[in-house]
PDB file of N, CA and C in Angstrom:
ATOM      1  N   MET A   1      45.817 171.248 107.048  1.00  0.00           N
ATOM      2  CA  MET A   1      44.667 170.476 107.440  1.00  0.00           C
ATOM      3  C   MET A   1      43.542 171.439 107.755  1.00  0.00           C
ATOM      4  N   ASP A   2      42.389 171.196 107.201  1.00  0.00           N
ATOM      5  CA  ASP A   2      41.316 172.150 107.415  1.00  0.00           C
ATOM      6  C   ASP A   2      40.641 171.910 108.777  1.00  0.00           C
ATOM      7  N   PRO A   3      40.097 172.927 109.401  1.00  0.00           N
ATOM      8  CA  PRO A   3      39.578 172.812 110.764  1.00  0.00           C
ATOM      9  C   PRO A   3      38.368 171.881 110.870  1.00  0.00           C
ATOM     10  N   PHE A   4      37.628 171.708 109.771  1.00  0.00           N
ATOM     11  CA  PHE A   4      36.456 170.830 109.831  1.00  0.00           C
ATOM     12  C   PHE A   4      36.857 169.376 110.003  1.00  0.00           C
ATOM     13  N   SER A   5      37.924 168.945 109.318  1.00  0.00           N
ATOM     14  CA  SER A   5      38.345 167.550 109.437  1.00  0.00           C
ATOM     15  C   SER A   5      38.910 167.275 110.828  1.00  0.00           C
ATOM     16  N   SER A   6      39.626 168.224 111.411  1.00  0.00           N
ATOM     17  CA  SER A   6      40.133 168.010 112.765  1.00  0.00           C
ATOM     18  C   SER A   6      38.991 167.980 113.769  1.00  0.00           C
ATOM     19  N   THR A   7      37.965 168.797 113.544  1.00  0.00           N
ATOM     20  CA  THR A   7      36.797 168.779 114.421  1.00  0.00           C
ATOM     21  C   THR A   7      36.063 167.451 114.293  1.00  0.00           C
ATOM     22  N   ASP A   8      35.920 166.961 113.065  1.00  0.00           N
ATOM     23  CA  ASP A   8      35.279 165.664 112.853  1.00  0.00           C
ATOM     24  C   ASP A   8      36.072 164.550 113.529  1.00  0.00           C
ATOM     25  N   LYS A   9      37.381 164.615 113.420  1.00  0.00           N
ATOM     26  CA  LYS A   9      38.232 163.605 114.038  1.00  0.00           C
ATOM     27  C   LYS A   9      38.075 163.636 115.554  1.00  0.00           C
ATOM     28  N   LEU A  10      38.056 164.837 116.135  1.00  0.00           N
ATOM     29  CA  LEU A  10      37.876 164.952 117.584  1.00  0.00           C
ATOM     30  C   LEU A  10      36.514 164.430 118.015  1.00  0.00           C
ATOM     31  N   GLU A  11      35.477 164.738 117.245  1.00  0.00           N
ATOM     32  CA  GLU A  11      34.140 164.241 117.571  1.00  0.00           C
ATOM     33  C   GLU A  11      34.079 162.721 117.484  1.00  0.00           C
ATOM     34  N   ARG A  12      34.731 162.159 116.460  1.00  0.00           N
ATOM     35  CA  ARG A  12      34.773 160.712 116.313  1.00  0.00           C
ATOM     36  C   ARG A  12      35.497 160.072 117.492  1.00  0.00           C
ATOM     37  N   GLU A  13      36.629 160.654 117.886  1.00  0.00           N
ATOM     38  CA  GLU A  13      37.374 160.129 119.032  1.00  0.00           C
ATOM     39  C   GLU A  13      36.563 160.254 120.322  1.00  0.00           C
ATOM     40  N   PHE A  14      35.813 161.355 120.461  1.00  0.00           N
ATOM     41  CA  PHE A  14      34.995 161.545 121.644  1.00  0.00           C
ATOM     42  C   PHE A  14      33.887 160.488 121.703  1.00  0.00           C
ATOM     43  N   LYS A  15      33.268 160.186 120.560  1.00  0.00           N
ATOM     44  CA  LYS A  15      32.227 159.162 120.525  1.00  0.00           C
ATOM     45  C   LYS A  15      32.800 157.787 120.850  1.00  0.00           C
ATOM     46  N   GLN A  16      34.012 157.520 120.353  1.00  0.00           N
ATOM     47  CA  GLN A  16      34.660 156.246 120.684  1.00  0.00           C
ATOM     48  C   GLN A  16      34.965 156.186 122.171  1.00  0.00           C
ATOM     49  N   ALA A  17      35.410 157.296 122.736  1.00  0.00           N
ATOM     50  CA  ALA A  17      35.707 157.328 124.167  1.00  0.00           C
ATOM     51  C   ALA A  17      34.441 157.079 124.979  1.00  0.00           C
ATOM     52  N   GLN A  18      33.336 157.655 124.544  1.00  0.00           N
ATOM     53  CA  GLN A  18      32.073 157.413 125.233  1.00  0.00           C
ATOM     54  C   GLN A  18      31.659 155.949 125.092  1.00  0.00           C
ATOM     55  N   GLN A  19      31.874 155.389 123.930  1.00  0.00           N
ATOM     56  CA  GLN A  19      31.491 154.002 123.679  1.00  0.00           C
ATOM     57  C   GLN A  19      32.315 153.045 124.537  1.00  0.00           C
ATOM     58  N   PHE A  20      33.613 153.269 124.614  1.00  0.00           N
ATOM     59  CA  PHE A  20      34.490 152.374 125.372  1.00  0.00           C
ATOM     60  C   PHE A  20      34.621 152.773 126.837  1.00  0.00           C
ATOM     61  N   GLY A  21      34.109 153.927 127.199  1.00  0.00           N
ATOM     62  CA  GLY A  21      34.187 154.370 128.583  1.00  0.00           C
ATOM     63  C   GLY A  21      35.525 154.994 128.947  1.00  0.00           C
ATOM     64  N   ARG A  22      36.376 155.185 127.980  1.00  0.00           N
ATOM     65  CA  ARG A  22      37.687 155.802 128.221  1.00  0.00           C
ATOM     66  C   ARG A  22      38.276 156.225 126.883  1.00  0.00           C
ATOM     67  N   TRP A  23      39.316 157.037 126.930  1.00  0.00           N
ATOM     68  CA  TRP A  23      40.031 157.415 125.712  1.00  0.00           C
ATOM     69  C   TRP A  23      40.887 156.249 125.274  1.00  0.00           C
ATOM     70  N   LEU A  24      40.959 156.025 123.980  1.00  0.00           N
ATOM     71  CA  LEU A  24      41.787 154.950 123.442  1.00  0.00           C
ATOM     72  C   LEU A  24      43.218 155.417 123.293  1.00  0.00           C
ATOM     73  N   SER A  25      44.144 154.497 123.533  1.00  0.00           N
ATOM     74  CA  SER A  25      45.546 154.832 123.295  1.00  0.00           C
ATOM     75  C   SER A  25      45.779 154.872 121.787  1.00  0.00           C
ATOM     76  N   ASP A  26      46.931 155.387 121.388  1.00  0.00           N
ATOM     77  CA  ASP A  26      47.230 155.472 119.956  1.00  0.00           C
ATOM     78  C   ASP A  26      47.240 154.100 119.295  1.00  0.00           C
ATOM     79  N   GLU A  27      47.809 153.102 119.991  1.00  0.00           N
ATOM     80  CA  GLU A  27      47.878 151.757 119.434  1.00  0.00           C
ATOM     81  C   GLU A  27      46.481 151.158 119.286  1.00  0.00           C
ATOM     82  N   GLU A  28      45.633 151.374 120.304  1.00  0.00           N
ATOM     83  CA  GLU A  28      44.277 150.848 120.229  1.00  0.00           C
ATOM     84  C   GLU A  28      43.489 151.528 119.109  1.00  0.00           C
ATOM     85  N   ARG A  29      43.668 152.822 118.985  1.00  0.00           N
ATOM     86  CA  ARG A  29      42.969 153.566 117.943  1.00  0.00           C
ATOM     87  C   ARG A  29      43.425 153.099 116.557  1.00  0.00           C
ATOM     88  N   LEU A  30      44.746 152.909 116.397  1.00  0.00           N
ATOM     89  CA  LEU A  30      45.260 152.415 115.108  1.00  0.00           C
ATOM     90  C   LEU A  30      44.745 151.011 114.806  1.00  0.00           C
ATOM     91  N   ALA A  31      44.693 150.153 115.830  1.00  0.00           N
ATOM     92  CA  ALA A  31      44.182 148.795 115.632  1.00  0.00           C
ATOM     93  C   ALA A  31      42.705 148.832 115.236  1.00  0.00           C
ATOM     94  N   LEU A  32      41.943 149.721 115.871  1.00  0.00           N
ATOM     95  CA  LEU A  32      40.530 149.854 115.537  1.00  0.00           C
ATOM     96  C   LEU A  32      40.342 150.363 114.112  1.00  0.00           C
ATOM     97  N   GLU A  33      41.147 151.340 113.720  1.00  0.00           N
ATOM     98  CA  GLU A  33      41.073 151.851 112.352  1.00  0.00           C
ATOM     99  C   GLU A  33      41.486 150.779 111.339  1.00  0.00           C
ATOM    100  N   GLU A  34      42.490 149.979 111.688  1.00  0.00           N
ATOM    101  CA  GLU A  34      42.936 148.895 110.811  1.00  0.00           C
ATOM    102  C   GLU A  34      41.826 147.853 110.640  1.00  0.00           C
ATOM    103  N   GLU A  35      41.129 147.537 111.730  1.00  0.00           N
ATOM    104  CA  GLU A  35      40.006 146.609 111.640  1.00  0.00           C
ATOM    105  C   GLU A  35      38.916 147.148 110.723  1.00  0.00           C
ATOM    106  N   GLU A  36      38.632 148.432 110.844  1.00  0.00           N
ATOM    107  CA  GLU A  36      37.599 149.044 110.002  1.00  0.00           C
ATOM    108  C   GLU A  36      38.003 149.009 108.531  1.00  0.00           C
ATOM    109  N   THR A  37      39.259 149.339 108.243  1.00  0.00           N
ATOM    110  CA  THR A  37      39.706 149.318 106.844  1.00  0.00           C
ATOM    111  C   THR A  37      39.716 147.892 106.304  1.00  0.00           C
ATOM    112  N   GLN A  38      40.080 146.920 107.145  1.00  0.00           N
ATOM    113  CA  GLN A  38      40.070 145.520 106.712  1.00  0.00           C
ATOM    114  C   GLN A  38      38.641 145.076 106.422  1.00  0.00           C
ATOM    115  N   ALA A  39      37.703 145.455 107.272  1.00  0.00           N
ATOM    116  CA  ALA A  39      36.305 145.092 107.045  1.00  0.00           C
ATOM    117  C   ALA A  39      35.788 145.730 105.757  1.00  0.00           C
ATOM    118  N   LEU A  40      36.137 146.986 105.519  1.00  0.00           N
ATOM    119  CA  LEU A  40      35.720 147.650 104.281  1.00  0.00           C
ATOM    120  C   LEU A  40      36.332 146.986 103.055  1.00  0.00           C
ATOM    121  N   ARG A  41      37.581 146.549 103.177  1.00  0.00           N
ATOM    122  CA  ARG A  41      38.258 145.875 102.074  1.00  0.00           C
ATOM    123  C   ARG A  41      37.566 144.539 101.747  1.00  0.00           C
ATOM    124  N   VAL A  42      37.196 143.798 102.785  1.00  0.00           N
ATOM    125  CA  VAL A  42      36.518 142.520 102.575  1.00  0.00           C
ATOM    126  C   VAL A  42      35.162 142.736 101.916  1.00  0.00           C
ATOM    127  N   ILE A  43      34.431 143.747 102.365  1.00  0.00           N
ATOM    128  CA  ILE A  43      33.130 144.052 101.769  1.00  0.00           C
ATOM    129  C   ILE A  43      33.293 144.432 100.303  1.00  0.00           C
ATOM    130  N   GLU A  44      34.308 145.216  99.993  1.00  0.00           N
ATOM    131  CA  GLU A  44      34.550 145.627  98.608  1.00  0.00           C
ATOM    132  C   GLU A  44      34.918 144.423  97.735  1.00  0.00           C
ATOM    133  N   GLN A  45      35.722 143.495  98.263  1.00  0.00           N
ATOM    134  CA  GLN A  45      36.084 142.299  97.507  1.00  0.00           C
ATOM    135  C   GLN A  45      34.855 141.423  97.243  1.00  0.00           C
ATOM    136  N   GLN A  46      33.991 141.291  98.258  1.00  0.00           N
ATOM    137  CA  GLN A  46      32.777 140.505  98.076  1.00  0.00           C
ATOM    138  C   GLN A  46      31.866 141.140  97.028  1.00  0.00           C
ATOM    139  N   ARG A  47      31.751 142.462  97.037  1.00  0.00           N
ATOM    140  CA  ARG A  47      30.919 143.167  96.067  1.00  0.00           C
ATOM    141  C   ARG A  47      31.472 142.965  94.655  1.00  0.00           C
ATOM    142  N   HIS A  48      32.793 143.058  94.526  1.00  0.00           N
ATOM    143  CA  HIS A  48      33.426 142.892  93.216  1.00  0.00           C
ATOM    144  C   HIS A  48      33.232 141.461  92.701  1.00  0.00           C
ATOM    145  N   ARG A  49      33.407 140.464  93.578  1.00  0.00           N
ATOM    146  CA  ARG A  49      33.219 139.068  93.181  1.00  0.00           C
ATOM    147  C   ARG A  49      31.769 138.820  92.779  1.00  0.00           C
ATOM    148  N   ARG A  50      30.835 139.416  93.518  1.00  0.00           N
ATOM    149  CA  ARG A  50      29.421 139.259  93.200  1.00  0.00           C
ATOM    150  C   ARG A  50      29.094 139.865  91.833  1.00  0.00           C
ATOM    151  N   GLU A  51      29.665 141.023  91.530  1.00  0.00           N
ATOM    152  CA  GLU A  51      29.448 141.645  90.216  1.00  0.00           C
ATOM    153  C   GLU A  51      29.972 140.752  89.095  1.00  0.00           C
ATOM    154  N   ARG A  52      31.159 140.169  89.291  1.00  0.00           N
ATOM    155  CA  ARG A  52      31.710 139.279  88.270  1.00  0.00           C
ATOM    156  C   ARG A  52      30.830 138.050  88.072  1.00  0.00           C
ATOM    157  N   LEU A  53      30.306 137.501  89.168  1.00  0.00           N
ATOM    158  CA  LEU A  53      29.430 136.338  89.055  1.00  0.00           C
ATOM    159  C   LEU A  53      28.123 136.688  88.340  1.00  0.00           C
ATOM    160  N   ILE A  54      27.618 137.886  88.584  1.00  0.00           N
ATOM    161  CA  ILE A  54      26.388 138.320  87.904  1.00  0.00           C
ATOM    162  C   ILE A  54      26.638 138.421  86.399  1.00  0.00           C
ATOM    163  N   VAL A  55      27.778 138.984  86.013  1.00  0.00           N
ATOM    164  CA  VAL A  55      28.111 139.090  84.583  1.00  0.00           C
ATOM    165  C   VAL A  55      28.279 137.699  83.976  1.00  0.00           C
ATOM    166  N   LEU A  56      28.974 136.805  84.678  1.00  0.00           N
ATOM    167  CA  LEU A  56      29.167 135.442  84.188  1.00  0.00           C
ATOM    168  C   LEU A  56      27.828 134.721  84.056  1.00  0.00           C
ATOM    169  N   THR A  57      26.931 134.928  85.007  1.00  0.00           N
ATOM    170  CA  THR A  57      25.604 134.320  84.926  1.00  0.00           C
ATOM    171  C   THR A  57      24.848 134.836  83.711  1.00  0.00           C
ATOM    172  N   GLY A  58      24.952 136.142  83.456  1.00  0.00           N
ATOM    173  CA  GLY A  58      24.296 136.712  82.269  1.00  0.00           C
ATOM    174  C   GLY A  58      24.829 136.116  80.986  1.00  0.00           C
ATOM    175  N   ILE A  59      26.138 135.928  80.908  1.00  0.00           N
ATOM    176  CA  ILE A  59      26.737 135.321  79.716  1.00  0.00           C
ATOM    177  C   ILE A  59      26.274 133.877  79.569  1.00  0.00           C
ATOM    178  N   CYS A  60      26.212 133.143  80.687  1.00  0.00           N
ATOM    179  CA  CYS A  60      25.784 131.740  80.626  1.00  0.00           C
ATOM    180  C   CYS A  60      24.317 131.623  80.217  1.00  0.00           C
ATOM    181  N   ILE A  61      23.492 132.596  80.582  1.00  0.00           N
ATOM    182  CA  ILE A  61      22.083 132.566  80.178  1.00  0.00           C
ATOM    183  C   ILE A  61      21.959 132.747  78.669  1.00  0.00           C
ATOM    184  N   LEU A  62      22.842 133.531  78.084  1.00  0.00           N
ATOM    185  CA  LEU A  62      22.780 133.783  76.643  1.00  0.00           C
ATOM    186  C   LEU A  62      23.241 132.606  75.807  1.00  0.00           C
ATOM    187  N   ILE A  63      24.028 131.715  76.373  1.00  0.00           N
ATOM    188  CA  ILE A  63      24.557 130.560  75.638  1.00  0.00           C
ATOM    189  C   ILE A  63      23.818 129.308  76.142  1.00  0.00           C
ATOM    190  N   PRO A  64      22.934 128.737  75.337  1.00  0.00           N
ATOM    191  CA  PRO A  64      22.085 127.624  75.793  1.00  0.00           C
ATOM    192  C   PRO A  64      22.826 126.427  76.404  1.00  0.00           C
ATOM    193  N   PRO A  65      23.967 125.983  75.885  1.00  0.00           N
ATOM    194  CA  PRO A  65      24.617 124.841  76.543  1.00  0.00           C
ATOM    195  C   PRO A  65      25.089 125.137  77.976  1.00  0.00           C
ATOM    196  N   LEU A  66      25.185 126.389  78.345  1.00  0.00           N
ATOM    197  CA  LEU A  66      25.662 126.732  79.676  1.00  0.00           C
ATOM    198  C   LEU A  66      24.527 127.094  80.637  1.00  0.00           C
ATOM    199  N   TRP A  67      23.296 126.735  80.311  1.00  0.00           N
ATOM    200  CA  TRP A  67      22.166 127.070  81.172  1.00  0.00           C
ATOM    201  C   TRP A  67      22.258 126.383  82.535  1.00  0.00           C
ATOM    202  N   GLY A  68      22.814 125.186  82.574  1.00  0.00           N
ATOM    203  CA  GLY A  68      22.994 124.499  83.862  1.00  0.00           C
ATOM    204  C   GLY A  68      23.936 125.277  84.765  1.00  0.00           C
ATOM    205  N   LEU A  69      25.027 125.766  84.191  1.00  0.00           N
ATOM    206  CA  LEU A  69      25.972 126.577  84.952  1.00  0.00           C
ATOM    207  C   LEU A  69      25.318 127.880  85.399  1.00  0.00           C
ATOM    208  N   ALA A  70      24.493 128.463  84.534  1.00  0.00           N
ATOM    209  CA  ALA A  70      23.784 129.692  84.900  1.00  0.00           C
ATOM    210  C   ALA A  70      22.842 129.432  86.069  1.00  0.00           C
ATOM    211  N   ALA A  71      22.171 128.295  86.077  1.00  0.00           N
ATOM    212  CA  ALA A  71      21.280 127.956  87.189  1.00  0.00           C
ATOM    213  C   ALA A  71      22.075 127.787  88.482  1.00  0.00           C
ATOM    214  N   ALA A  72      23.221 127.119  88.399  1.00  0.00           N
ATOM    215  CA  ALA A  72      24.050 126.925  89.585  1.00  0.00           C
ATOM    216  C   ALA A  72      24.587 128.255  90.103  1.00  0.00           C
ATOM    217  N   LEU A  73      25.039 129.115  89.213  1.00  0.00           N
ATOM    218  CA  LEU A  73      25.530 130.423  89.635  1.00  0.00           C
ATOM    219  C   LEU A  73      24.419 131.283  90.227  1.00  0.00           C
ATOM    220  N   SER A  74      23.236 131.209  89.644  1.00  0.00           N
ATOM    221  CA  SER A  74      22.104 131.951  90.193  1.00  0.00           C
ATOM    222  C   SER A  74      21.764 131.458  91.592  1.00  0.00           C
ATOM    223  N   PHE A  75      21.783 130.138  91.771  1.00  0.00           N
ATOM    224  CA  PHE A  75      21.533 129.570  93.097  1.00  0.00           C
ATOM    225  C   PHE A  75      22.583 130.057  94.093  1.00  0.00           C
ATOM    226  N   TYR A  76      23.842 130.083  93.667  1.00  0.00           N
ATOM    227  CA  TYR A  76      24.909 130.551  94.550  1.00  0.00           C
ATOM    228  C   TYR A  76      24.755 132.040  94.878  1.00  0.00           C
ATOM    229  N   LEU A  77      24.355 132.838  93.879  1.00  0.00           N
ATOM    230  CA  LEU A  77      24.177 134.270  94.128  1.00  0.00           C
ATOM    231  C   LEU A  77      23.008 134.547  95.059  1.00  0.00           C
ATOM    232  N   LEU A  78      21.949 133.748  94.942  1.00  0.00           N
ATOM    233  CA  LEU A  78      20.784 133.965  95.795  1.00  0.00           C
ATOM    234  C   LEU A  78      20.973 133.405  97.200  1.00  0.00           C
ATOM    235  N   PHE A  79      21.603 132.254  97.307  1.00  0.00           N
ATOM    236  CA  PHE A  79      21.765 131.581  98.597  1.00  0.00           C
ATOM    237  C   PHE A  79      23.209 131.114  98.776  1.00  0.00           C
ATOM    238  N   PRO A  80      24.148 132.024  99.074  1.00  0.00           N
ATOM    239  CA  PRO A  80      25.566 131.628  99.112  1.00  0.00           C
ATOM    240  C   PRO A  80      25.901 130.600 100.189  1.00  0.00           C
ATOM    241  N   GLU A  81      25.362 130.734 101.386  1.00  0.00           N
ATOM    242  CA  GLU A  81      25.703 129.790 102.455  1.00  0.00           C
ATOM    243  C   GLU A  81      25.123 128.405 102.174  1.00  0.00           C
ATOM    244  N   THR A  82      23.877 128.358 101.727  1.00  0.00           N
ATOM    245  CA  THR A  82      23.242 127.082 101.399  1.00  0.00           C
ATOM    246  C   THR A  82      23.966 126.414 100.234  1.00  0.00           C
ATOM    247  N   ALA A  83      24.363 127.201  99.253  1.00  0.00           N
ATOM    248  CA  ALA A  83      25.072 126.640  98.098  1.00  0.00           C
ATOM    249  C   ALA A  83      26.420 126.064  98.523  1.00  0.00           C
ATOM    250  N   LYS A  84      27.102 126.722  99.454  1.00  0.00           N
ATOM    251  CA  LYS A  84      28.387 126.192  99.922  1.00  0.00           C
ATOM    252  C   LYS A  84      28.184 124.864 100.642  1.00  0.00           C
ATOM    253  N   ARG A  85      27.157 124.788 101.506  1.00  0.00           N
ATOM    254  CA  ARG A  85      26.885 123.537 102.211  1.00  0.00           C
ATOM    255  C   ARG A  85      26.495 122.427 101.229  1.00  0.00           C
ATOM    256  N   PHE A  86      25.652 122.785 100.263  1.00  0.00           N
ATOM    257  CA  PHE A  86      25.228 121.803  99.258  1.00  0.00           C
ATOM    258  C   PHE A  86      26.421 121.298  98.463  1.00  0.00           C
ATOM    259  N   ALA A  87      27.318 122.193  98.062  1.00  0.00           N
ATOM    260  CA  ALA A  87      28.505 121.797  97.295  1.00  0.00           C
ATOM    261  C   ALA A  87      29.410 120.903  98.135  1.00  0.00           C
ATOM    262  N   LEU A  88      29.552 121.209  99.413  1.00  0.00           N
ATOM    263  CA  LEU A  88      30.383 120.390 100.289  1.00  0.00           C
ATOM    264  C   LEU A  88      29.802 118.988 100.432  1.00  0.00           C
ATOM    265  N   ILE A  89      28.496 118.899 100.647  1.00  0.00           N
ATOM    266  CA  ILE A  89      27.853 117.588 100.792  1.00  0.00           C
ATOM    267  C   ILE A  89      27.918 116.817  99.474  1.00  0.00           C
ATOM    268  N   ALA A  90      27.610 117.481  98.363  1.00  0.00           N
ATOM    269  CA  ALA A  90      27.650 116.814  97.059  1.00  0.00           C
ATOM    270  C   ALA A  90      29.066 116.367  96.712  1.00  0.00           C
ATOM    271  N   GLY A  91      30.052 117.204  96.987  1.00  0.00           N
ATOM    272  CA  GLY A  91      31.434 116.841  96.685  1.00  0.00           C
ATOM    273  C   GLY A  91      31.917 115.669  97.508  1.00  0.00           C
ATOM    274  N   SER A  92      31.619 115.678  98.803  1.00  0.00           N
ATOM    275  CA  SER A  92      32.059 114.564  99.641  1.00  0.00           C
ATOM    276  C   SER A  92      31.329 113.277  99.263  1.00  0.00           C
ATOM    277  N   THR A  93      30.053 113.378  98.902  1.00  0.00           N
ATOM    278  CA  THR A  93      29.315 112.197  98.451  1.00  0.00           C
ATOM    279  C   THR A  93      29.901 111.661  97.147  1.00  0.00           C
ATOM    280  N   LEU A  94      30.244 112.562  96.236  1.00  0.00           N
ATOM    281  CA  LEU A  94      30.839 112.150  94.964  1.00  0.00           C
ATOM    282  C   LEU A  94      32.178 111.437  95.189  1.00  0.00           C
ATOM    283  N   ILE A  95      32.993 111.962  96.067  1.00  0.00           N
ATOM    284  CA  ILE A  95      34.285 111.321  96.367  1.00  0.00           C
ATOM    285  C   ILE A  95      34.061 109.947  96.978  1.00  0.00           C
ATOM    286  N   PHE A  96      33.104 109.843  97.904  1.00  0.00           N
ATOM    287  CA  PHE A  96      32.810 108.556  98.538  1.00  0.00           C
ATOM    288  C   PHE A  96      32.337 107.529  97.512  1.00  0.00           C
ATOM    289  N   VAL A  97      31.420 107.930  96.635  1.00  0.00           N
ATOM    290  CA  VAL A  97      30.904 107.018  95.604  1.00  0.00           C
ATOM    291  C   VAL A  97      32.014 106.628  94.633  1.00  0.00           C
ATOM    292  N   LEU A  98      32.884 107.551  94.295  1.00  0.00           N
ATOM    293  CA  LEU A  98      33.998 107.258  93.395  1.00  0.00           C
ATOM    294  C   LEU A  98      34.937 106.225  94.007  1.00  0.00           C
ATOM    295  N   ILE A  99      35.312 106.405  95.250  1.00  0.00           N
ATOM    296  CA  ILE A  99      36.197 105.442  95.921  1.00  0.00           C
ATOM    297  C   ILE A  99      35.517 104.078  96.029  1.00  0.00           C
ATOM    298  N   LEU A 100      34.235 104.082  96.384  1.00  0.00           N
ATOM    299  CA  LEU A 100      33.497 102.829  96.495  1.00  0.00           C
ATOM    300  C   LEU A 100      33.407 102.108  95.152  1.00  0.00           C
ATOM    301  N   SER A 101      33.146 102.841  94.079  1.00  0.00           N
ATOM    302  CA  SER A 101      33.059 102.204  92.755  1.00  0.00           C
ATOM    303  C   SER A 101      34.419 101.675  92.301  1.00  0.00           C
ATOM    304  N   ILE A 102      35.493 102.367  92.625  1.00  0.00           N
ATOM    305  CA  ILE A 102      36.836 101.873  92.278  1.00  0.00           C
ATOM    306  C   ILE A 102      37.121 100.568  93.012  1.00  0.00           C
ATOM    307  N   LEU A 103      36.755 100.512  94.292  1.00  0.00           N
ATOM    308  CA  LEU A 103      36.968  99.277  95.063  1.00  0.00           C
ATOM    309  C   LEU A 103      36.123  98.126  94.506  1.00  0.00           C
ATOM    310  N   ILE A 104      34.865  98.389  94.202  1.00  0.00           N
ATOM    311  CA  ILE A 104      33.996  97.342  93.651  1.00  0.00           C
ATOM    312  C   ILE A 104      34.520  96.861  92.300  1.00  0.00           C
ATOM    313  N   PHE A 105      34.950  97.793  91.449  1.00  0.00           N
ATOM    314  CA  PHE A 105      35.501  97.420  90.148  1.00  0.00           C
ATOM    315  C   PHE A 105      36.765  96.574  90.324  1.00  0.00           C
ATOM    316  N   GLY A 106      37.608  96.955  91.285  1.00  0.00           N
ATOM    317  CA  GLY A 106      38.819  96.171  91.545  1.00  0.00           C
ATOM    318  C   GLY A 106      38.502  94.759  91.995  1.00  0.00           C
ATOM    319  N   PHE A 107      37.511  94.619  92.896  1.00  0.00           N
ATOM    320  CA  PHE A 107      37.114  93.278  93.335  1.00  0.00           C
ATOM    321  C   PHE A 107      36.519  92.461  92.186  1.00  0.00           C
ATOM    322  N   LEU A 108      35.749  93.114  91.318  1.00  0.00           N
ATOM    323  CA  LEU A 108      35.198  92.407  90.155  1.00  0.00           C
ATOM    324  C   LEU A 108      36.300  91.938  89.221  1.00  0.00           C
ATOM    325  N   VAL A 109      37.294  92.764  88.988  1.00  0.00           N
ATOM    326  CA  VAL A 109      38.419  92.382  88.131  1.00  0.00           C
ATOM    327  C   VAL A 109      39.173  91.203  88.751  1.00  0.00           C
ATOM    328  N   LEU A 110      39.385  91.245  90.068  1.00  0.00           N
ATOM    329  CA  LEU A 110      40.052  90.120  90.738  1.00  0.00           C
ATOM    330  C   LEU A 110      39.215  88.849  90.648  1.00  0.00           C
ATOM    331  N   ALA A 111      37.900  88.971  90.809  1.00  0.00           N
ATOM    332  CA  ALA A 111      37.029  87.789  90.727  1.00  0.00           C
ATOM    333  C   ALA A 111      37.060  87.191  89.331  1.00  0.00           C
ATOM    334  N   VAL A 112      36.991  88.043  88.321  1.00  0.00           N
ATOM    335  CA  VAL A 112      37.041  87.564  86.931  1.00  0.00           C
ATOM    336  C   VAL A 112      38.411  86.930  86.652  1.00  0.00           C
ATOM    337  N   ALA A 113      39.475  87.526  87.171  1.00  0.00           N
ATOM    338  CA  ALA A 113      40.829  86.986  86.959  1.00  0.00           C
ATOM    339  C   ALA A 113      40.952  85.623  87.639  1.00  0.00           C
ATOM    340  N   ASN A 114      40.362  85.453  88.827  1.00  0.00           N
ATOM    341  CA  ASN A 114      40.419  84.156  89.510  1.00  0.00           C
ATOM    342  C   ASN A 114      39.616  83.099  88.761  1.00  0.00           C
ATOM    343  N   ILE A 115      38.503  83.497  88.191  1.00  0.00           N
ATOM    344  CA  ILE A 115      37.674  82.537  87.461  1.00  0.00           C
ATOM    345  C   ILE A 115      38.372  82.095  86.178  1.00  0.00           C
ATOM    346  N   LEU A 116      38.984  83.049  85.456  1.00  0.00           N
ATOM    347  CA  LEU A 116      39.616  82.726  84.191  1.00  0.00           C
ATOM    348  C   LEU A 116      40.963  82.031  84.345  1.00  0.00           C
ATOM    349  N   PHE A 117      41.676  82.299  85.381  1.00  0.00           N
ATOM    350  CA  PHE A 117      43.019  81.728  85.506  1.00  0.00           C
ATOM    351  C   PHE A 117      43.092  80.762  86.623  1.00  0.00           C
TER     352      PHE A 117
END
């Protein structure tokens, strides 16, 4: 192990000790490092997913029948939280309208059946 990395590690631990007001135990230090690696992993996954969506959006722009999908993907890439809320509201509204139309159609079929028979 080279002396520079051990010095960096000691400096990092000293800064953490100053931040927390005490030295961290081994378990606390490992938990903190695990949290940092998990956060970095999540950021990397989000970056990778965003790159794939950008490529998919580019492909959809090149194919005219998929321009609607390209617009939706662009909206999601620009405003991810708003797009999620919009999709949730639109999806729940669609399900509600679908159930309502099935019920109305069923009542109409029953009414027609009562009239004819």
